[in-house]
Amino acid sequence: MNFVDLSFTKLLGDLPNPPDAIYYFSLSNNNFTGGISLTICNAISLNMLILSHNNLTGNIPQCLGTIPSLQ
């Protein structure tokens, strides 16, 4: 699986972690809460990460800046 788009699906709860080999991961416009787990940094193939319009709290993991393909 390399493309997941769960935008506008009214999901709620903790932000799920993407599969390690994911390319596109969009969870925008839902009701996710909590923070971004450090395990998101295992997705080294991640190119697009879209988390806008949720209720996330906490810091953005610094390791996201080291994923070479992330835009």
Protein backbone atom coordinates (compact mmCIF):
# COMPACT_ATOMS: atom_id res chain seq x y z
CA MET A 1 0.00 0.00 0.00
CA ASN A 2 1.51 3.31 -0.98
CA PHE A 3 -1.47 5.68 -1.18
CA VAL A 4 -3.90 6.39 1.67
CA ASP A 5 -6.44 9.20 1.57
CA LEU A 6 -8.84 9.26 4.52
CA SER A 7 -9.68 12.95 4.20
CA PHE A 8 -13.20 14.12 5.08
CA THR A 9 -14.19 10.77 6.61
CA LYS A 10 -15.22 12.10 10.05
CA LEU A 11 -12.70 9.85 11.81
CA LEU A 12 -11.78 10.63 15.40
CA GLY A 13 -9.37 9.46 18.06
CA ASP A 14 -5.62 9.21 18.03
CA LEU A 15 -3.77 9.87 14.81
CA PRO A 16 -2.98 6.53 13.14
CA ASN A 17 0.56 5.73 12.08
CA PRO A 18 1.21 5.28 8.37
CA PRO A 19 2.60 2.03 6.98
CA ASP A 20 6.39 2.14 6.63
CA ALA A 21 6.36 1.99 2.82
CA ILE A 22 3.69 4.67 2.29
CA TYR A 23 4.13 7.39 -0.34
CA TYR A 24 0.98 9.53 0.17
CA PHE A 25 -0.81 9.80 3.54
CA SER A 26 -3.70 12.24 3.90
CA LEU A 27 -5.88 12.45 7.00
CA SER A 28 -7.10 16.03 6.65
CA ASN A 29 -10.47 17.34 7.76
CA ASN A 30 -11.24 14.77 10.43
CA ASN A 31 -11.32 14.96 14.21
CA PHE A 32 -8.03 13.32 15.16
CA THR A 33 -6.59 14.40 18.50
CA GLY A 34 -3.32 14.03 20.34
CA GLY A 35 0.14 14.32 18.92
CA ILE A 36 2.17 12.96 16.05
CA SER A 37 3.98 9.80 17.13
CA LEU A 38 7.70 9.41 16.50
CA THR A 39 6.92 6.15 14.70
CA ILE A 40 5.79 8.26 11.73
CA CYS A 41 9.49 8.67 11.01
CA ASN A 42 9.68 4.99 10.01
CA ALA A 43 7.83 5.95 6.82
CA ILE A 44 11.02 6.76 4.95
CA SER A 45 9.28 6.69 1.54
CA LEU A 46 6.76 9.32 2.61
CA ASN A 47 6.38 12.06 0.02
CA MET A 48 3.11 13.76 1.00
CA LEU A 49 1.82 14.05 4.56
CA ILE A 50 -1.42 16.00 4.96
CA LEU A 51 -2.77 16.39 8.49
CA SER A 52 -4.53 19.76 8.25
CA HIS A 53 -7.84 20.57 9.91
CA ASN A 54 -7.68 18.15 12.83
CA ASN A 55 -7.33 18.78 16.56
CA LEU A 56 -3.71 17.74 16.96
CA THR A 57 -1.61 18.91 19.88
CA GLY A 58 2.05 18.74 20.79
CA ASN A 59 5.21 19.15 18.80
CA ILE A 60 6.04 18.12 15.27
CA PRO A 61 8.72 15.41 15.45
CA GLN A 62 12.08 16.74 14.26
CA CYS A 63 12.73 13.49 12.40
CA LEU A 64 10.14 14.53 9.78
CA GLY A 65 12.74 16.99 8.54
CA THR A 66 15.11 14.14 7.78
CA ILE A 67 12.81 12.18 5.45
CA PRO A 68 14.44 13.04 2.10
CA SER A 69 11.37 12.67 -0.11
CA LEU A 70 8.89 14.52 2.14
CA GLN A 71 7.53 17.66 0.52
